[in-house]
Amino acid sequence: MDIQPNITPRVRRPRPAVVSLTEAAADQVKAIMARAEKPYVGLKVGVKQGGCAGQEYVLSYAEEAGPLDEVVNDKGVTVLIEPKAGWNRG
């Protein structure tokens, strides 16, 4: 006898973005990227060894998204966050 409980799956609420930009910051990033010699897909937040805690955040322009990057679109700017930056929320 196969009995299936009558369970309705819970609908997940959308998660808030882990980062947001001010209008001025978004305008500045768009202006810089418009003058770039290469086509960039957005800004990338990552980490590298250094700093007093052993790691420091780095910000760079990204030519492509990594397969595990979290992608945040805010005010017309794409921000890519590397998983090792510690912001991924599983």
N, C-alpha and C. Protein backbone atom coordinates (compact mmCIF):
# COMPACT_ATOMS: atom_id res chain seq x y z
N MET A 1 0.84 -1.16 0.00
CA MET A 1 0.00 0.00 0.00
C MET A 1 0.89 1.24 0.00
N ASP A 2 0.67 2.13 -0.97
CA ASP A 2 1.48 3.33 -1.13
C ASP A 2 0.67 4.54 -0.67
N ILE A 3 1.04 5.09 0.48
CA ILE A 3 0.33 6.24 1.02
C ILE A 3 1.22 7.47 0.89
N GLN A 4 0.74 8.45 0.17
CA GLN A 4 1.45 9.71 0.00
C GLN A 4 0.79 10.76 0.88
N PRO A 5 1.55 11.41 1.76
CA PRO A 5 0.94 12.46 2.58
C PRO A 5 0.56 13.66 1.70
N ASN A 6 -0.50 14.32 2.09
CA ASN A 6 -0.97 15.48 1.35
C ASN A 6 -0.20 16.71 1.86
N ILE A 7 1.00 16.92 1.29
CA ILE A 7 1.86 18.01 1.72
C ILE A 7 2.02 18.99 0.57
N THR A 8 1.73 20.24 0.84
CA THR A 8 1.92 21.28 -0.17
C THR A 8 3.30 21.89 0.03
N PRO A 9 4.14 21.92 -1.01
CA PRO A 9 5.46 22.50 -0.84
C PRO A 9 5.37 23.99 -0.52
N ARG A 10 6.25 24.43 0.34
CA ARG A 10 6.29 25.84 0.74
C ARG A 10 6.89 26.67 -0.38
N VAL A 11 6.26 27.77 -0.69
CA VAL A 11 6.77 28.68 -1.71
C VAL A 11 7.85 29.55 -1.06
N ARG A 12 9.03 29.56 -1.69
CA ARG A 12 10.12 30.36 -1.14
C ARG A 12 9.99 31.81 -1.55
N ARG A 13 10.25 32.69 -0.59
CA ARG A 13 10.28 34.11 -0.90
C ARG A 13 11.57 34.44 -1.62
N PRO A 14 11.55 35.42 -2.52
CA PRO A 14 12.79 35.80 -3.18
C PRO A 14 13.78 36.34 -2.16
N ARG A 15 15.05 35.98 -2.33
CA ARG A 15 16.08 36.46 -1.42
C ARG A 15 16.48 37.88 -1.80
N PRO A 16 16.76 38.72 -0.83
CA PRO A 16 17.24 40.06 -1.17
C PRO A 16 18.65 39.97 -1.75
N ALA A 17 18.99 40.92 -2.61
CA ALA A 17 20.33 40.94 -3.20
C ALA A 17 21.36 41.18 -2.10
N VAL A 18 22.52 40.56 -2.25
CA VAL A 18 23.57 40.70 -1.24
C VAL A 18 24.31 42.02 -1.34
N VAL A 19 24.13 42.72 -2.45
CA VAL A 19 24.80 44.00 -2.63
C VAL A 19 23.89 44.91 -3.46
N SER A 20 23.97 46.19 -3.19
CA SER A 20 23.23 47.17 -3.99
C SER A 20 24.13 48.38 -4.23
N LEU A 21 23.82 49.11 -5.27
CA LEU A 21 24.61 50.28 -5.65
C LEU A 21 23.76 51.53 -5.50
N THR A 22 24.42 52.63 -5.17
CA THR A 22 23.73 53.92 -5.21
C THR A 22 23.61 54.31 -6.68
N GLU A 23 22.75 55.26 -6.98
CA GLU A 23 22.62 55.75 -8.35
C GLU A 23 23.95 56.31 -8.84
N ALA A 24 24.64 57.06 -7.99
CA ALA A 24 25.92 57.66 -8.38
C ALA A 24 26.96 56.59 -8.69
N ALA A 25 27.02 55.54 -7.87
CA ALA A 25 27.98 54.46 -8.11
C ALA A 25 27.66 53.73 -9.40
N ALA A 26 26.39 53.46 -9.64
CA ALA A 26 25.99 52.77 -10.87
C ALA A 26 26.33 53.62 -12.09
N ASP A 27 26.07 54.91 -12.02
CA ASP A 27 26.40 55.80 -13.14
C ASP A 27 27.91 55.82 -13.40
N GLN A 28 28.70 55.84 -12.33
CA GLN A 28 30.16 55.86 -12.48
C GLN A 28 30.67 54.56 -13.10
N VAL A 29 30.16 53.44 -12.64
CA VAL A 29 30.58 52.14 -13.20
C VAL A 29 30.20 52.06 -14.67
N LYS A 30 28.99 52.48 -15.01
CA LYS A 30 28.57 52.45 -16.42
C LYS A 30 29.46 53.33 -17.28
N ALA A 31 29.83 54.50 -16.78
CA ALA A 31 30.70 55.41 -17.54
C ALA A 31 32.08 54.81 -17.75
N ILE A 32 32.64 54.22 -16.71
CA ILE A 32 33.98 53.60 -16.80
C ILE A 32 33.93 52.43 -17.78
N MET A 33 32.90 51.59 -17.68
CA MET A 33 32.82 50.42 -18.54
C MET A 33 32.57 50.82 -20.00
N ALA A 34 31.88 51.95 -20.22
CA ALA A 34 31.65 52.41 -21.59
C ALA A 34 32.95 52.85 -22.26
N ARG A 35 33.92 53.32 -21.47
CA ARG A 35 35.21 53.76 -22.01
C ARG A 35 36.25 52.64 -22.07
N ALA A 36 35.92 51.47 -21.56
CA ALA A 36 36.89 50.36 -21.49
C ALA A 36 37.27 49.87 -22.88
N GLU A 37 38.49 49.40 -23.00
CA GLU A 37 38.98 48.88 -24.28
C GLU A 37 38.39 47.50 -24.59
N LYS A 38 37.98 46.77 -23.56
CA LYS A 38 37.39 45.43 -23.74
C LYS A 38 35.93 45.48 -23.31
N PRO A 39 35.13 44.56 -23.83
CA PRO A 39 33.75 44.47 -23.34
C PRO A 39 33.71 43.69 -22.02
N TYR A 40 33.26 44.32 -20.96
CA TYR A 40 33.13 43.65 -19.67
C TYR A 40 31.66 43.35 -19.41
N VAL A 41 31.42 42.22 -18.71
CA VAL A 41 30.04 41.87 -18.37
C VAL A 41 29.62 42.51 -17.05
N GLY A 42 30.58 42.92 -16.23
CA GLY A 42 30.24 43.55 -14.96
C GLY A 42 31.42 43.64 -14.02
N LEU A 43 31.11 43.96 -12.79
CA LEU A 43 32.11 44.02 -11.72
C LEU A 43 32.17 42.67 -11.03
N LYS A 44 33.37 42.28 -10.60
CA LYS A 44 33.51 41.01 -9.88
C LYS A 44 34.08 41.28 -8.50
N VAL A 45 33.44 40.70 -7.48
CA VAL A 45 33.91 40.76 -6.10
C VAL A 45 34.52 39.41 -5.78
N GLY A 46 35.77 39.44 -5.32
CA GLY A 46 36.47 38.21 -4.95
C GLY A 46 37.30 38.43 -3.71
N VAL A 47 38.12 37.47 -3.39
CA VAL A 47 39.03 37.59 -2.25
C VAL A 47 40.42 37.16 -2.67
N LYS A 48 41.42 37.68 -1.95
CA LYS A 48 42.80 37.24 -2.14
C LYS A 48 43.47 37.19 -0.78
N GLN A 49 44.60 36.53 -0.72
CA GLN A 49 45.34 36.42 0.53
C GLN A 49 45.92 37.78 0.89
N GLY A 50 45.80 38.17 2.15
CA GLY A 50 46.34 39.44 2.62
C GLY A 50 45.43 40.03 3.67
N GLY A 51 45.75 41.22 4.09
CA GLY A 51 44.95 41.90 5.10
C GLY A 51 45.17 41.32 6.48
N CYS A 52 44.64 42.01 7.49
CA CYS A 52 44.88 41.58 8.88
C CYS A 52 44.13 40.30 9.23
N ALA A 53 43.09 39.96 8.49
CA ALA A 53 42.32 38.75 8.77
C ALA A 53 42.76 37.58 7.88
N GLY A 54 43.81 37.80 7.07
CA GLY A 54 44.30 36.74 6.20
C GLY A 54 43.73 36.77 4.80
N GLN A 55 42.64 37.52 4.60
CA GLN A 55 42.04 37.68 3.28
C GLN A 55 41.54 39.10 3.14
N GLU A 56 41.50 39.58 1.91
CA GLU A 56 40.93 40.89 1.65
C GLU A 56 40.08 40.81 0.39
N TYR A 57 39.05 41.63 0.36
CA TYR A 57 38.17 41.67 -0.81
C TYR A 57 38.87 42.41 -1.95
N VAL A 58 38.61 41.97 -3.17
CA VAL A 58 39.12 42.64 -4.36
C VAL A 58 37.96 42.89 -5.30
N LEU A 59 38.06 43.98 -6.03
CA LEU A 59 37.03 44.36 -6.99
C LEU A 59 37.72 44.52 -8.34
N SER A 60 37.17 43.88 -9.37
CA SER A 60 37.76 43.97 -10.70
C SER A 60 36.64 43.95 -11.74
N TYR A 61 37.01 44.22 -12.98
CA TYR A 61 36.06 44.13 -14.07
C TYR A 61 36.12 42.73 -14.65
N ALA A 62 34.97 42.16 -14.94
CA ALA A 62 34.90 40.76 -15.39
C ALA A 62 34.54 40.69 -16.87
N GLU A 63 35.29 39.86 -17.59
CA GLU A 63 34.98 39.62 -18.99
C GLU A 63 33.92 38.53 -19.15
N GLU A 64 33.79 37.68 -18.13
CA GLU A 64 32.76 36.64 -18.16
C GLU A 64 32.44 36.23 -16.72
N ALA A 65 31.27 35.64 -16.55
CA ALA A 65 30.85 35.16 -15.24
C ALA A 65 31.41 33.77 -15.01
N GLY A 66 31.84 33.50 -13.78
CA GLY A 66 32.27 32.16 -13.41
C GLY A 66 31.05 31.28 -13.23
N PRO A 67 31.21 29.97 -13.35
CA PRO A 67 30.07 29.06 -13.25
C PRO A 67 29.35 29.09 -11.90
N LEU A 68 30.05 29.48 -10.83
CA LEU A 68 29.43 29.49 -9.51
C LEU A 68 29.23 30.90 -8.95
N ASP A 69 29.52 31.93 -9.76
CA ASP A 69 29.34 33.30 -9.31
C ASP A 69 27.87 33.60 -9.05
N GLU A 70 27.60 34.32 -7.97
CA GLU A 70 26.25 34.83 -7.75
C GLU A 70 26.14 36.11 -8.56
N VAL A 71 25.07 36.25 -9.32
CA VAL A 71 24.89 37.39 -10.21
C VAL A 71 23.83 38.31 -9.63
N VAL A 72 24.21 39.58 -9.43
CA VAL A 72 23.28 40.59 -8.94
C VAL A 72 23.21 41.70 -9.99
N ASN A 73 22.01 42.02 -10.44
CA ASN A 73 21.81 43.14 -11.37
C ASN A 73 21.14 44.26 -10.60
N ASP A 74 21.79 45.43 -10.58
CA ASP A 74 21.25 46.56 -9.84
C ASP A 74 21.50 47.84 -10.63
N LYS A 75 20.44 48.54 -10.92
CA LYS A 75 20.51 49.84 -11.61
C LYS A 75 21.31 49.78 -12.90
N GLY A 76 21.16 48.67 -13.64
CA GLY A 76 21.83 48.53 -14.92
C GLY A 76 23.26 48.05 -14.85
N VAL A 77 23.74 47.68 -13.68
CA VAL A 77 25.10 47.17 -13.49
C VAL A 77 25.03 45.73 -13.00
N THR A 78 25.86 44.87 -13.57
CA THR A 78 25.94 43.48 -13.14
C THR A 78 27.11 43.33 -12.19
N VAL A 79 26.86 42.75 -11.02
CA VAL A 79 27.89 42.47 -10.03
C VAL A 79 27.98 40.96 -9.88
N LEU A 80 29.18 40.42 -10.06
CA LEU A 80 29.43 38.98 -9.94
C LEU A 80 30.18 38.74 -8.64
N ILE A 81 29.68 37.84 -7.82
CA ILE A 81 30.30 37.57 -6.52
C ILE A 81 30.81 36.14 -6.51
N GLU A 82 32.14 36.02 -6.37
CA GLU A 82 32.75 34.69 -6.33
C GLU A 82 32.30 33.96 -5.07
N PRO A 83 32.08 32.65 -5.15
CA PRO A 83 31.66 31.89 -3.97
C PRO A 83 32.64 32.01 -2.80
N LYS A 84 33.92 32.05 -3.08
CA LYS A 84 34.90 32.12 -1.99
C LYS A 84 34.93 33.47 -1.31
N ALA A 85 34.18 34.46 -1.85
CA ALA A 85 34.08 35.75 -1.19
C ALA A 85 33.24 35.63 0.09
N GLY A 86 32.59 34.48 0.27
CA GLY A 86 31.88 34.23 1.52
C GLY A 86 30.48 34.79 1.58
N TRP A 87 29.96 35.25 0.45
CA TRP A 87 28.63 35.85 0.46
C TRP A 87 27.57 34.91 -0.07
N ASN A 88 27.98 33.71 -0.53
CA ASN A 88 26.97 32.82 -1.09
C ASN A 88 26.05 32.34 0.02
N ARG A 89 24.80 32.23 -0.30
CA ARG A 89 23.78 31.87 0.69
C ARG A 89 23.05 30.66 0.20
N GLY A 90 23.45 29.50 0.65
CA GLY A 90 22.85 28.28 0.14
C GLY A 90 21.49 27.99 0.58
